[in-house]
Amino acid sequence: MGVTVTGINLDAEPSGTGCVECLRSGEWWFHLRRCAQCGHIGCCDSSPNQHASKHFHATGHPVISNFEPDEPWFYDYRTGAFFDGPSLRPPQCHPLDQPAPGPEGRVPRRWQTLLHE
């Protein structure tokens, strides 16, 4: 079993390369977030469906990390604070050839007008 410290499990593997729920429902995302406790990949709060936050509310898993290339940070839903954290199990981000927003072929025209602020 993985080591869990304050909502971070260093042994948790990412659930995939895209938002689990968006891929299942045929939706799209703006940016991706990774649950630091279980590895669930969900879409960010700017995305239409905000699955990363919904995962927190459903599970109580309090910490996410960014799942975008070259932007390492963590966020704690309990405190509303960003922080630097440990290296999680690879991969640290979605594949570099995967577009953001994504997935390719599902992003609508004028997607910018559909984002949450």
PDB file of N, CA and C in Angstrom:
ATOM      1  N   MET A   1       0.855  -1.186   0.000  1.00  0.00           N
ATOM      2  CA  MET A   1       0.000   0.000   0.000  1.00  0.00           C
ATOM      3  C   MET A   1       0.895   1.241   0.000  1.00  0.00           C
ATOM      4  N   GLY A   2       0.448   2.288  -0.699  1.00  0.00           N
ATOM      5  CA  GLY A   2       1.229   3.509  -0.823  1.00  0.00           C
ATOM      6  C   GLY A   2       1.254   4.322   0.453  1.00  0.00           C
ATOM      7  N   VAL A   3       2.222   5.164   0.546  1.00  0.00           N
ATOM      8  CA  VAL A   3       2.370   6.053   1.692  1.00  0.00           C
ATOM      9  C   VAL A   3       1.479   7.270   1.462  1.00  0.00           C
ATOM     10  N   THR A   4       0.603   7.573   2.406  1.00  0.00           N
ATOM     11  CA  THR A   4      -0.283   8.723   2.289  1.00  0.00           C
ATOM     12  C   THR A   4       0.064   9.714   3.386  1.00  0.00           C
ATOM     13  N   VAL A   5       0.411  10.934   3.002  1.00  0.00           N
ATOM     14  CA  VAL A   5       0.736  11.977   3.952  1.00  0.00           C
ATOM     15  C   VAL A   5      -0.062  13.219   3.581  1.00  0.00           C
ATOM     16  N   THR A   6      -0.926  13.662   4.458  1.00  0.00           N
ATOM     17  CA  THR A   6      -1.713  14.875   4.266  1.00  0.00           C
ATOM     18  C   THR A   6      -2.386  14.925   2.888  1.00  0.00           C
ATOM     19  N   GLY A   7      -2.985  13.823   2.463  1.00  0.00           N
ATOM     20  CA  GLY A   7      -3.709  13.804   1.192  1.00  0.00           C
ATOM     21  C   GLY A   7      -2.845  13.563  -0.024  1.00  0.00           C
ATOM     22  N   ILE A   8      -1.580  13.182   0.168  1.00  0.00           N
ATOM     23  CA  ILE A   8      -0.692  12.886  -0.953  1.00  0.00           C
ATOM     24  C   ILE A   8      -0.209  11.451  -0.831  1.00  0.00           C
ATOM     25  N   ASN A   9      -0.457  10.664  -1.856  1.00  0.00           N
ATOM     26  CA  ASN A   9      -0.027   9.276  -1.912  1.00  0.00           C
ATOM     27  C   ASN A   9       1.019   9.169  -3.018  1.00  0.00           C
ATOM     28  N   LEU A  10       2.270   9.001  -2.653  1.00  0.00           N
ATOM     29  CA  LEU A  10       3.363   8.979  -3.622  1.00  0.00           C
ATOM     30  C   LEU A  10       3.317   7.762  -4.546  1.00  0.00           C
ATOM     31  N   ASP A  11       2.543   6.748  -4.191  1.00  0.00           N
ATOM     32  CA  ASP A  11       2.460   5.546  -5.011  1.00  0.00           C
ATOM     33  C   ASP A  11       1.256   5.518  -5.953  1.00  0.00           C
ATOM     34  N   ALA A  12       0.367   6.487  -5.846  1.00  0.00           N
ATOM     35  CA  ALA A  12      -0.832   6.496  -6.694  1.00  0.00           C
ATOM     36  C   ALA A  12      -0.449   6.801  -8.145  1.00  0.00           C
ATOM     37  N   GLU A  13      -0.948   5.985  -9.053  1.00  0.00           N
ATOM     38  CA  GLU A  13      -0.697   6.187 -10.478  1.00  0.00           C
ATOM     39  C   GLU A  13      -1.823   7.028 -11.073  1.00  0.00           C
ATOM     40  N   PRO A  14      -1.518   7.854 -12.072  1.00  0.00           N
ATOM     41  CA  PRO A  14      -2.570   8.613 -12.750  1.00  0.00           C
ATOM     42  C   PRO A  14      -3.593   7.664 -13.369  1.00  0.00           C
ATOM     43  N   SER A  15      -4.847   8.058 -13.359  1.00  0.00           N
ATOM     44  CA  SER A  15      -5.917   7.217 -13.896  1.00  0.00           C
ATOM     45  C   SER A  15      -5.924   7.175 -15.416  1.00  0.00           C
ATOM     46  N   GLY A  16      -5.119   7.990 -16.056  1.00  0.00           N
ATOM     47  CA  GLY A  16      -5.047   8.015 -17.518  1.00  0.00           C
ATOM     48  C   GLY A  16      -4.370   9.285 -17.971  1.00  0.00           C
ATOM     49  N   THR A  17      -4.638   9.668 -19.215  1.00  0.00           N
ATOM     50  CA  THR A  17      -4.004  10.857 -19.778  1.00  0.00           C
ATOM     51  C   THR A  17      -4.985  12.003 -19.984  1.00  0.00           C
ATOM     52  N   GLY A  18      -6.255  11.771 -19.666  1.00  0.00           N
ATOM     53  CA  GLY A  18      -7.273  12.795 -19.819  1.00  0.00           C
ATOM     54  C   GLY A  18      -8.301  12.691 -18.718  1.00  0.00           C
ATOM     55  N   CYS A  19      -9.217  13.640 -18.675  1.00  0.00           N
ATOM     56  CA  CYS A  19     -10.276  13.644 -17.669  1.00  0.00           C
ATOM     57  C   CYS A  19     -11.126  12.382 -17.815  1.00  0.00           C
ATOM     58  N   VAL A  20     -11.168  11.594 -16.764  1.00  0.00           N
ATOM     59  CA  VAL A  20     -11.880  10.324 -16.779  1.00  0.00           C
ATOM     60  C   VAL A  20     -13.342  10.508 -17.201  1.00  0.00           C
ATOM     61  N   GLU A  21     -14.020  11.447 -16.552  1.00  0.00           N
ATOM     62  CA  GLU A  21     -15.450  11.631 -16.813  1.00  0.00           C
ATOM     63  C   GLU A  21     -15.709  12.225 -18.196  1.00  0.00           C
ATOM     64  N   CYS A  22     -14.884  13.191 -18.620  1.00  0.00           N
ATOM     65  CA  CYS A  22     -15.078  13.784 -19.953  1.00  0.00           C
ATOM     66  C   CYS A  22     -14.856  12.757 -21.048  1.00  0.00           C
ATOM     67  N   LEU A  23     -13.848  11.911 -20.893  1.00  0.00           N
ATOM     68  CA  LEU A  23     -13.606  10.879 -21.892  1.00  0.00           C
ATOM     69  C   LEU A  23     -14.784   9.913 -21.967  1.00  0.00           C
ATOM     70  N   ARG A  24     -15.327   9.559 -20.815  1.00  0.00           N
ATOM     71  CA  ARG A  24     -16.453   8.624 -20.766  1.00  0.00           C
ATOM     72  C   ARG A  24     -17.720   9.226 -21.392  1.00  0.00           C
ATOM     73  N   SER A  25     -17.933  10.527 -21.194  1.00  0.00           N
ATOM     74  CA  SER A  25     -19.183  11.159 -21.651  1.00  0.00           C
ATOM     75  C   SER A  25     -19.060  11.855 -23.003  1.00  0.00           C
ATOM     76  N   GLY A  26     -17.855  11.883 -23.584  1.00  0.00           N
ATOM     77  CA  GLY A  26     -17.689  12.539 -24.874  1.00  0.00           C
ATOM     78  C   GLY A  26     -17.523  14.042 -24.782  1.00  0.00           C
ATOM     79  N   GLU A  27     -17.198  14.547 -23.587  1.00  0.00           N
ATOM     80  CA  GLU A  27     -17.022  15.981 -23.366  1.00  0.00           C
ATOM     81  C   GLU A  27     -15.568  16.386 -23.594  1.00  0.00           C
ATOM     82  N   TRP A  28     -15.238  17.630 -23.279  1.00  0.00           N
ATOM     83  CA  TRP A  28     -13.894  18.170 -23.469  1.00  0.00           C
ATOM     84  C   TRP A  28     -13.477  18.926 -22.223  1.00  0.00           C
ATOM     85  N   TRP A  29     -12.171  19.251 -22.140  1.00  0.00           N
ATOM     86  CA  TRP A  29     -11.630  19.970 -20.991  1.00  0.00           C
ATOM     87  C   TRP A  29     -10.686  21.067 -21.448  1.00  0.00           C
ATOM     88  N   PHE A  30     -10.437  21.997 -20.543  1.00  0.00           N
ATOM     89  CA  PHE A  30      -9.471  23.067 -20.783  1.00  0.00           C
ATOM     90  C   PHE A  30      -8.093  22.620 -20.292  1.00  0.00           C
ATOM     91  N   HIS A  31      -7.944  22.412 -18.973  1.00  0.00           N
ATOM     92  CA  HIS A  31      -6.701  21.900 -18.403  1.00  0.00           C
ATOM     93  C   HIS A  31      -7.018  20.739 -17.472  1.00  0.00           C
ATOM     94  N   LEU A  32      -5.983  19.967 -17.148  1.00  0.00           N
ATOM     95  CA  LEU A  32      -6.168  18.759 -16.345  1.00  0.00           C
ATOM     96  C   LEU A  32      -5.515  18.889 -14.977  1.00  0.00           C
ATOM     97  N   ARG A  33      -6.130  18.225 -13.996  1.00  0.00           N
ATOM     98  CA  ARG A  33      -5.628  18.174 -12.623  1.00  0.00           C
ATOM     99  C   ARG A  33      -5.588  16.718 -12.180  1.00  0.00           C
ATOM    100  N   ARG A  34      -4.648  16.424 -11.293  1.00  0.00           N
ATOM    101  CA  ARG A  34      -4.459  15.058 -10.800  1.00  0.00           C
ATOM    102  C   ARG A  34      -4.692  15.019  -9.301  1.00  0.00           C
ATOM    103  N   CYS A  35      -5.529  14.120  -8.845  1.00  0.00           N
ATOM    104  CA  CYS A  35      -5.731  13.933  -7.410  1.00  0.00           C
ATOM    105  C   CYS A  35      -4.446  13.347  -6.848  1.00  0.00           C
ATOM    106  N   ALA A  36      -3.877  14.020  -5.865  1.00  0.00           N
ATOM    107  CA  ALA A  36      -2.608  13.578  -5.288  1.00  0.00           C
ATOM    108  C   ALA A  36      -2.782  12.384  -4.359  1.00  0.00           C
ATOM    109  N   GLN A  37      -4.024  12.039  -4.042  1.00  0.00           N
ATOM    110  CA  GLN A  37      -4.263  10.910  -3.160  1.00  0.00           C
ATOM    111  C   GLN A  37      -4.523   9.618  -3.920  1.00  0.00           C
ATOM    112  N   CYS A  38      -5.342   9.676  -4.983  1.00  0.00           N
ATOM    113  CA  CYS A  38      -5.688   8.435  -5.697  1.00  0.00           C
ATOM    114  C   CYS A  38      -5.268   8.430  -7.163  1.00  0.00           C
ATOM    115  N   GLY A  39      -4.837   9.563  -7.719  1.00  0.00           N
ATOM    116  CA  GLY A  39      -4.401   9.615  -9.109  1.00  0.00           C
ATOM    117  C   GLY A  39      -5.484   9.960 -10.109  1.00  0.00           C
ATOM    118  N   HIS A  40      -6.713  10.182  -9.661  1.00  0.00           N
ATOM    119  CA  HIS A  40      -7.811  10.533 -10.562  1.00  0.00           C
ATOM    120  C   HIS A  40      -7.439  11.763 -11.390  1.00  0.00           C
ATOM    121  N   ILE A  41      -7.608  11.677 -12.703  1.00  0.00           N
ATOM    122  CA  ILE A  41      -7.388  12.823 -13.576  1.00  0.00           C
ATOM    123  C   ILE A  41      -8.745  13.439 -13.880  1.00  0.00           C
ATOM    124  N   GLY A  42      -8.878  14.722 -13.550  1.00  0.00           N
ATOM    125  CA  GLY A  42     -10.120  15.447 -13.794  1.00  0.00           C
ATOM    126  C   GLY A  42      -9.819  16.790 -14.434  1.00  0.00           C
ATOM    127  N   CYS A  43     -10.854  17.413 -14.966  1.00  0.00           N
ATOM    128  CA  CYS A  43     -10.679  18.713 -15.616  1.00  0.00           C
ATOM    129  C   CYS A  43     -10.742  19.839 -14.596  1.00  0.00           C
ATOM    130  N   CYS A  44     -10.100  20.950 -14.925  1.00  0.00           N
ATOM    131  CA  CYS A  44      -9.947  22.095 -14.023  1.00  0.00           C
ATOM    132  C   CYS A  44     -11.259  22.861 -13.840  1.00  0.00           C
ATOM    133  N   ASP A  45     -11.238  23.816 -12.921  1.00  0.00           N
ATOM    134  CA  ASP A  45     -12.430  24.615 -12.636  1.00  0.00           C
ATOM    135  C   ASP A  45     -12.793  25.585 -13.755  1.00  0.00           C
ATOM    136  N   SER A  46     -11.887  25.853 -14.672  1.00  0.00           N
ATOM    137  CA  SER A  46     -12.239  26.668 -15.844  1.00  0.00           C
ATOM    138  C   SER A  46     -12.961  25.840 -16.899  1.00  0.00           C
ATOM    139  N   SER A  47     -12.824  24.537 -16.841  1.00  0.00           N
ATOM    140  CA  SER A  47     -13.476  23.633 -17.787  1.00  0.00           C
ATOM    141  C   SER A  47     -14.984  23.617 -17.550  1.00  0.00           C
ATOM    142  N   PRO A  48     -15.760  23.303 -18.586  1.00  0.00           N
ATOM    143  CA  PRO A  48     -17.218  23.300 -18.416  1.00  0.00           C
ATOM    144  C   PRO A  48     -17.722  22.373 -17.312  1.00  0.00           C
ATOM    145  N   ASN A  49     -17.071  21.232 -17.094  1.00  0.00           N
ATOM    146  CA  ASN A  49     -17.609  20.245 -16.143  1.00  0.00           C
ATOM    147  C   ASN A  49     -16.918  20.203 -14.785  1.00  0.00           C
ATOM    148  N   GLN A  50     -15.774  20.807 -14.634  1.00  0.00           N
ATOM    149  CA  GLN A  50     -15.086  20.944 -13.344  1.00  0.00           C
ATOM    150  C   GLN A  50     -14.986  19.630 -12.562  1.00  0.00           C
ATOM    151  N   HIS A  51     -14.542  18.571 -13.249  1.00  0.00           N
ATOM    152  CA  HIS A  51     -14.530  17.246 -12.630  1.00  0.00           C
ATOM    153  C   HIS A  51     -13.509  17.078 -11.509  1.00  0.00           C
ATOM    154  N   ALA A  52     -12.394  17.805 -11.520  1.00  0.00           N
ATOM    155  CA  ALA A  52     -11.435  17.679 -10.422  1.00  0.00           C
ATOM    156  C   ALA A  52     -12.056  18.130  -9.101  1.00  0.00           C
ATOM    157  N   SER A  53     -12.749  19.263  -9.110  1.00  0.00           N
ATOM    158  CA  SER A  53     -13.419  19.742  -7.890  1.00  0.00           C
ATOM    159  C   SER A  53     -14.559  18.816  -7.485  1.00  0.00           C
ATOM    160  N   LYS A  54     -15.282  18.299  -8.456  1.00  0.00           N
ATOM    161  CA  LYS A  54     -16.365  17.350  -8.146  1.00  0.00           C
ATOM    162  C   LYS A  54     -15.803  16.097  -7.494  1.00  0.00           C
ATOM    163  N   HIS A  55     -14.620  15.664  -7.943  1.00  0.00           N
ATOM    164  CA  HIS A  55     -13.969  14.500  -7.337  1.00  0.00           C
ATOM    165  C   HIS A  55     -13.637  14.798  -5.870  1.00  0.00           C
ATOM    166  N   PHE A  56     -13.115  15.985  -5.592  1.00  0.00           N
ATOM    167  CA  PHE A  56     -12.835  16.364  -4.205  1.00  0.00           C
ATOM    168  C   PHE A  56     -14.102  16.315  -3.355  1.00  0.00           C
ATOM    169  N   HIS A  57     -15.180  16.893  -3.844  1.00  0.00           N
ATOM    170  CA  HIS A  57     -16.423  16.933  -3.060  1.00  0.00           C
ATOM    171  C   HIS A  57     -17.016  15.540  -2.865  1.00  0.00           C
ATOM    172  N   ALA A  58     -16.831  14.660  -3.832  1.00  0.00           N
ATOM    173  CA  ALA A  58     -17.373  13.307  -3.723  1.00  0.00           C
ATOM    174  C   ALA A  58     -16.523  12.402  -2.831  1.00  0.00           C
ATOM    175  N   THR A  59     -15.203  12.615  -2.821  1.00  0.00           N
ATOM    176  CA  THR A  59     -14.306  11.695  -2.116  1.00  0.00           C
ATOM    177  C   THR A  59     -13.665  12.278  -0.865  1.00  0.00           C
ATOM    178  N   GLY A  60     -13.561  13.615  -0.808  1.00  0.00           N
ATOM    179  CA  GLY A  60     -12.840  14.243   0.286  1.00  0.00           C
ATOM    180  C   GLY A  60     -11.338  14.259   0.082  1.00  0.00           C
ATOM    181  N   HIS A  61     -10.853  13.796  -1.059  1.00  0.00           N
ATOM    182  CA  HIS A  61      -9.420  13.842  -1.342  1.00  0.00           C
ATOM    183  C   HIS A  61      -9.025  15.303  -1.528  1.00  0.00           C
ATOM    184  N   PRO A  62      -8.201  15.863  -0.641  1.00  0.00           N
ATOM    185  CA  PRO A  62      -8.045  17.308  -0.541  1.00  0.00           C
ATOM    186  C   PRO A  62      -7.015  17.985  -1.430  1.00  0.00           C
ATOM    187  N   VAL A  63      -6.099  17.224  -2.033  1.00  0.00           N
ATOM    188  CA  VAL A  63      -4.983  17.856  -2.741  1.00  0.00           C
ATOM    189  C   VAL A  63      -4.952  17.433  -4.205  1.00  0.00           C
ATOM    190  N   ILE A  64      -4.753  18.412  -5.081  1.00  0.00           N
ATOM    191  CA  ILE A  64      -4.550  18.126  -6.498  1.00  0.00           C
ATOM    192  C   ILE A  64      -3.195  18.670  -6.925  1.00  0.00           C
ATOM    193  N   SER A  65      -2.698  18.113  -8.005  1.00  0.00           N
ATOM    194  CA  SER A  65      -1.517  18.671  -8.655  1.00  0.00           C
ATOM    195  C   SER A  65      -1.898  19.006 -10.087  1.00  0.00           C
ATOM    196  N   ASN A  66      -1.185  19.917 -10.654  1.00  0.00           N
ATOM    197  CA  ASN A  66      -1.391  20.266 -12.049  1.00  0.00           C
ATOM    198  C   ASN A  66      -0.945  19.084 -12.898  1.00  0.00           C
ATOM    199  N   PHE A  67      -1.663  18.801 -13.984  1.00  0.00           N
ATOM    200  CA  PHE A  67      -1.300  17.707 -14.891  1.00  0.00           C
ATOM    201  C   PHE A  67      -0.987  18.261 -16.277  1.00  0.00           C
ATOM    202  N   GLU A  68      -0.507  19.508 -16.297  1.00  0.00           N
ATOM    203  CA  GLU A  68      -0.077  20.174 -17.527  1.00  0.00           C
ATOM    204  C   GLU A  68       1.447  20.219 -17.548  1.00  0.00           C
ATOM    205  N   PRO A  69       2.054  20.180 -18.738  1.00  0.00           N
ATOM    206  CA  PRO A  69       3.521  20.207 -18.817  1.00  0.00           C
ATOM    207  C   PRO A  69       4.111  21.516 -18.284  1.00  0.00           C
ATOM    208  N   ASP A  70       5.252  21.419 -17.661  1.00  0.00           N
ATOM    209  CA  ASP A  70       6.059  22.573 -17.239  1.00  0.00           C
ATOM    210  C   ASP A  70       5.360  23.517 -16.266  1.00  0.00           C
ATOM    211  N   GLU A  71       4.404  23.038 -15.504  1.00  0.00           N
ATOM    212  CA  GLU A  71       3.715  23.867 -14.509  1.00  0.00           C
ATOM    213  C   GLU A  71       3.528  23.068 -13.222  1.00  0.00           C
ATOM    214  N   PRO A  72       4.608  22.748 -12.511  1.00  0.00           N
ATOM    215  CA  PRO A  72       4.446  21.935 -11.303  1.00  0.00           C
ATOM    216  C   PRO A  72       3.923  22.738 -10.109  1.00  0.00           C
ATOM    217  N   TRP A  73       2.747  22.395  -9.641  1.00  0.00           N
ATOM    218  CA  TRP A  73       2.207  22.981  -8.424  1.00  0.00           C
ATOM    219  C   TRP A  73       1.151  22.062  -7.842  1.00  0.00           C
ATOM    220  N   PHE A  74       0.864  22.269  -6.572  1.00  0.00           N
ATOM    221  CA  PHE A  74      -0.182  21.549  -5.854  1.00  0.00           C
ATOM    222  C   PHE A  74      -1.170  22.578  -5.323  1.00  0.00           C
ATOM    223  N   TYR A  75      -2.390  22.106  -5.055  1.00  0.00           N
ATOM    224  CA  TYR A  75      -3.430  22.963  -4.488  1.00  0.00           C
ATOM    225  C   TYR A  75      -4.172  22.151  -3.437  1.00  0.00           C
ATOM    226  N   ASP A  76      -4.422  22.778  -2.294  1.00  0.00           N
ATOM    227  CA  ASP A  76      -5.155  22.130  -1.201  1.00  0.00           C
ATOM    228  C   ASP A  76      -6.539  22.752  -1.112  1.00  0.00           C
ATOM    229  N   TYR A  77      -7.572  21.966  -1.399  1.00  0.00           N
ATOM    230  CA  TYR A  77      -8.946  22.466  -1.339  1.00  0.00           C
ATOM    231  C   TYR A  77      -9.322  22.924   0.068  1.00  0.00           C
ATOM    232  N   ARG A  78      -8.738  22.313   1.093  1.00  0.00           N
ATOM    233  CA  ARG A  78      -9.089  22.662   2.479  1.00  0.00           C
ATOM    234  C   ARG A  78      -8.671  24.083   2.830  1.00  0.00           C
ATOM    235  N   THR A  79      -7.512  24.500   2.342  1.00  0.00           N
ATOM    236  CA  THR A  79      -6.974  25.808   2.701  1.00  0.00           C
ATOM    237  C   THR A  79      -7.090  26.835   1.581  1.00  0.00           C
ATOM    238  N   GLY A  80      -7.323  26.357   0.350  1.00  0.00           N
ATOM    239  CA  GLY A  80      -7.361  27.251  -0.800  1.00  0.00           C
ATOM    240  C   GLY A  80      -5.981  27.756  -1.185  1.00  0.00           C
ATOM    241  N   ALA A  81      -4.933  27.036  -0.763  1.00  0.00           N
ATOM    242  CA  ALA A  81      -3.564  27.482  -1.001  1.00  0.00           C
ATOM    243  C   ALA A  81      -2.847  26.605  -2.030  1.00  0.00           C
ATOM    244  N   PHE A  82      -2.038  27.261  -2.843  1.00  0.00           N
ATOM    245  CA  PHE A  82      -1.124  26.586  -3.760  1.00  0.00           C
ATOM    246  C   PHE A  82       0.182  26.342  -3.014  1.00  0.00           C
ATOM    247  N   PHE A  83       0.881  25.255  -3.349  1.00  0.00           N
ATOM    248  CA  PHE A  83       2.159  24.980  -2.705  1.00  0.00           C
ATOM    249  C   PHE A  83       3.009  24.077  -3.589  1.00  0.00           C
ATOM    250  N   ASP A  84       4.308  24.039  -3.289  1.00  0.00           N
ATOM    251  CA  ASP A  84       5.228  23.115  -3.947  1.00  0.00           C
ATOM    252  C   ASP A  84       5.146  21.794  -3.208  1.00  0.00           C
ATOM    253  N   GLY A  85       5.121  20.712  -3.962  1.00  0.00           N
ATOM    254  CA  GLY A  85       4.996  19.406  -3.335  1.00  0.00           C
ATOM    255  C   GLY A  85       6.020  18.426  -3.858  1.00  0.00           C
ATOM    256  N   PRO A  86       5.894  17.182  -3.427  1.00  0.00           N
ATOM    257  CA  PRO A  86       6.846  16.153  -3.831  1.00  0.00           C
ATOM    258  C   PRO A  86       6.610  15.694  -5.271  1.00  0.00           C
ATOM    259  N   SER A  87       7.547  14.961  -5.793  1.00  0.00           N
ATOM    260  CA  SER A  87       7.374  14.359  -7.118  1.00  0.00           C
ATOM    261  C   SER A  87       6.453  13.157  -6.977  1.00  0.00           C
ATOM    262  N   LEU A  88       5.379  13.168  -7.740  1.00  0.00           N
ATOM    263  CA  LEU A  88       4.454  12.045  -7.749  1.00  0.00           C
ATOM    264  C   LEU A  88       4.928  11.008  -8.757  1.00  0.00           C
ATOM    265  N   ARG A  89       4.330   9.847  -8.696  1.00  0.00           N
ATOM    266  CA  ARG A  89       4.662   8.774  -9.630  1.00  0.00           C
ATOM    267  C   ARG A  89       4.414   9.244 -11.060  1.00  0.00           C
ATOM    268  N   PRO A  90       5.335   8.974 -11.979  1.00  0.00           N
ATOM    269  CA  PRO A  90       5.157   9.402 -13.374  1.00  0.00           C
ATOM    270  C   PRO A  90       3.944   8.718 -14.017  1.00  0.00           C
ATOM    271  N   PRO A  91       3.414   9.357 -15.039  1.00  0.00           N
ATOM    272  CA  PRO A  91       3.842  10.613 -15.634  1.00  0.00           C
ATOM    273  C   PRO A  91       3.358  11.819 -14.824  1.00  0.00           C
ATOM    274  N   GLN A  92       4.090  12.913 -14.934  1.00  0.00           N
ATOM    275  CA  GLN A  92       3.775  14.143 -14.205  1.00  0.00           C
ATOM    276  C   GLN A  92       2.778  15.022 -14.961  1.00  0.00           C
ATOM    277  N   CYS A  93       2.557  14.723 -16.254  1.00  0.00           N
ATOM    278  CA  CYS A  93       1.639  15.519 -17.066  1.00  0.00           C
ATOM    279  C   CYS A  93       1.077  14.648 -18.176  1.00  0.00           C
ATOM    280  N   HIS A  94       0.086  15.185 -18.856  1.00  0.00           N
ATOM    281  CA  HIS A  94      -0.468  14.471 -20.008  1.00  0.00           C
ATOM    282  C   HIS A  94       0.592  14.406 -21.107  1.00  0.00           C
ATOM    283  N   PRO A  95       0.426  13.530 -22.113  1.00  0.00           N
ATOM    284  CA  PRO A  95       1.409  13.455 -23.192  1.00  0.00           C
ATOM    285  C   PRO A  95       1.605  14.811 -23.862  1.00  0.00           C
ATOM    286  N   LEU A  96       2.844  15.108 -24.218  1.00  0.00           N
ATOM    287  CA  LEU A  96       3.168  16.413 -24.796  1.00  0.00           C
ATOM    288  C   LEU A  96       2.462  16.659 -26.124  1.00  0.00           C
ATOM    289  N   ASP A  97       2.111  15.604 -26.844  1.00  0.00           N
ATOM    290  CA  ASP A  97       1.415  15.791 -28.123  1.00  0.00           C
ATOM    291  C   ASP A  97      -0.102  15.890 -27.962  1.00  0.00           C
ATOM    292  N   GLN A  98      -0.588  15.832 -26.728  1.00  0.00           N
ATOM    293  CA  GLN A  98      -2.021  15.979 -26.455  1.00  0.00           C
ATOM    294  C   GLN A  98      -2.345  17.458 -26.303  1.00  0.00           C
ATOM    295  N   PRO A  99      -3.272  17.977 -27.090  1.00  0.00           N
ATOM    296  CA  PRO A  99      -3.552  19.419 -27.027  1.00  0.00           C
ATOM    297  C   PRO A  99      -4.304  19.825 -25.765  1.00  0.00           C
ATOM    298  N   ALA A 100      -4.172  21.089 -25.424  1.00  0.00           N
ATOM    299  CA  ALA A 100      -4.964  21.699 -24.364  1.00  0.00           C
ATOM    300  C   ALA A 100      -5.569  22.964 -24.959  1.00  0.00           C
ATOM    301  N   PRO A 101      -6.869  23.089 -25.030  1.00  0.00           N
ATOM    302  CA  PRO A 101      -7.849  22.145 -24.514  1.00  0.00           C
ATOM    303  C   PRO A 101      -7.874  20.850 -25.328  1.00  0.00           C
ATOM    304  N   GLY A 102      -8.522  19.872 -24.773  1.00  0.00           N
ATOM    305  CA  GLY A 102      -8.579  18.566 -25.413  1.00  0.00           C
ATOM    306  C   GLY A 102      -9.826  17.818 -24.991  1.00  0.00           C
ATOM    307  N   PRO A 103      -9.977  16.606 -25.461  1.00  0.00           N
ATOM    308  CA  PRO A 103      -9.101  15.916 -26.381  1.00  0.00           C
ATOM    309  C   PRO A 103      -9.333  16.376 -27.820  1.00  0.00           C
ATOM    310  N   GLU A 104      -8.372  16.113 -28.635  1.00  0.00           N
ATOM    311  CA  GLU A 104      -8.439  16.519 -30.036  1.00  0.00           C
ATOM    312  C   GLU A 104      -9.716  15.977 -30.673  1.00  0.00           C
ATOM    313  N   GLY A 105     -10.384  16.846 -31.416  1.00  0.00           N
ATOM    314  CA  GLY A 105     -11.608  16.453 -32.104  1.00  0.00           C
ATOM    315  C   GLY A 105     -12.885  16.694 -31.321  1.00  0.00           C
ATOM    316  N   ARG A 106     -12.782  16.992 -30.026  1.00  0.00           N
ATOM    317  CA  ARG A 106     -13.989  17.224 -29.211  1.00  0.00           C
ATOM    318  C   ARG A 106     -14.142  18.665 -28.762  1.00  0.00           C
ATOM    319  N   VAL A 107     -13.142  19.481 -28.980  1.00  0.00           N
ATOM    320  CA  VAL A 107     -13.188  20.861 -28.505  1.00  0.00           C
ATOM    321  C   VAL A 107     -14.034  21.682 -29.480  1.00  0.00           C
ATOM    322  N   PRO A 108     -15.096  22.310 -28.983  1.00  0.00           N
ATOM    323  CA  PRO A 108     -15.980  23.070 -29.873  1.00  0.00           C
ATOM    324  C   PRO A 108     -15.350  24.374 -30.349  1.00  0.00           C
ATOM    325  N   ARG A 109     -15.863  24.866 -31.463  1.00  0.00           N
ATOM    326  CA  ARG A 109     -15.477  26.201 -31.908  1.00  0.00           C
ATOM    327  C   ARG A 109     -15.933  27.184 -30.838  1.00  0.00           C
ATOM    328  N   ARG A 110     -15.215  28.259 -30.714  1.00  0.00           N
ATOM    329  CA  ARG A 110     -15.521  29.281 -29.704  1.00  0.00           C
ATOM    330  C   ARG A 110     -15.515  28.715 -28.283  1.00  0.00           C
ATOM    331  N   TRP A 111     -14.625  27.756 -28.035  1.00  0.00           N
ATOM    332  CA  TRP A 111     -14.543  27.114 -26.725  1.00  0.00           C
ATOM    333  C   TRP A 111     -14.256  28.116 -25.617  1.00  0.00           C
ATOM    334  N   GLN A 112     -13.560  29.210 -25.966  1.00  0.00           N
ATOM    335  CA  GLN A 112     -13.211  30.205 -24.937  1.00  0.00           C
ATOM    336  C   GLN A 112     -14.453  30.795 -24.265  1.00  0.00           C
ATOM    337  N   THR A 113     -15.546  30.900 -24.999  1.00  0.00           N
ATOM    338  CA  THR A 113     -16.773  31.461 -24.445  1.00  0.00           C
ATOM    339  C   THR A 113     -17.466  30.505 -23.479  1.00  0.00           C
ATOM    340  N   LEU A 114     -17.030  29.262 -23.440  1.00  0.00           N
ATOM    341  CA  LEU A 114     -17.655  28.237 -22.586  1.00  0.00           C
ATOM    342  C   LEU A 114     -16.894  28.005 -21.283  1.00  0.00           C
ATOM    343  N   LEU A 115     -15.780  28.699 -21.096  1.00  0.00           N
ATOM    344  CA  LEU A 115     -14.986  28.517 -19.887  1.00  0.00           C
ATOM    345  C   LEU A 115     -15.606  29.215 -18.685  1.00  0.00           C
ATOM    346  N   HIS A 116     -15.366  28.634 -17.519  1.00  0.00           N
ATOM    347  CA  HIS A 116     -15.759  29.278 -16.251  1.00  0.00           C
ATOM    348  C   HIS A 116     -14.623  30.199 -15.826  1.00  0.00           C
ATOM    349  N   GLU A 117     -14.956  31.289 -15.183  1.00  0.00           N
ATOM    350  CA  GLU A 117     -13.916  32.206 -14.680  1.00  0.00           C
ATOM    351  C   GLU A 117     -13.538  31.882 -13.277  1.00  0.00           C
TER     352      GLU A 117
END
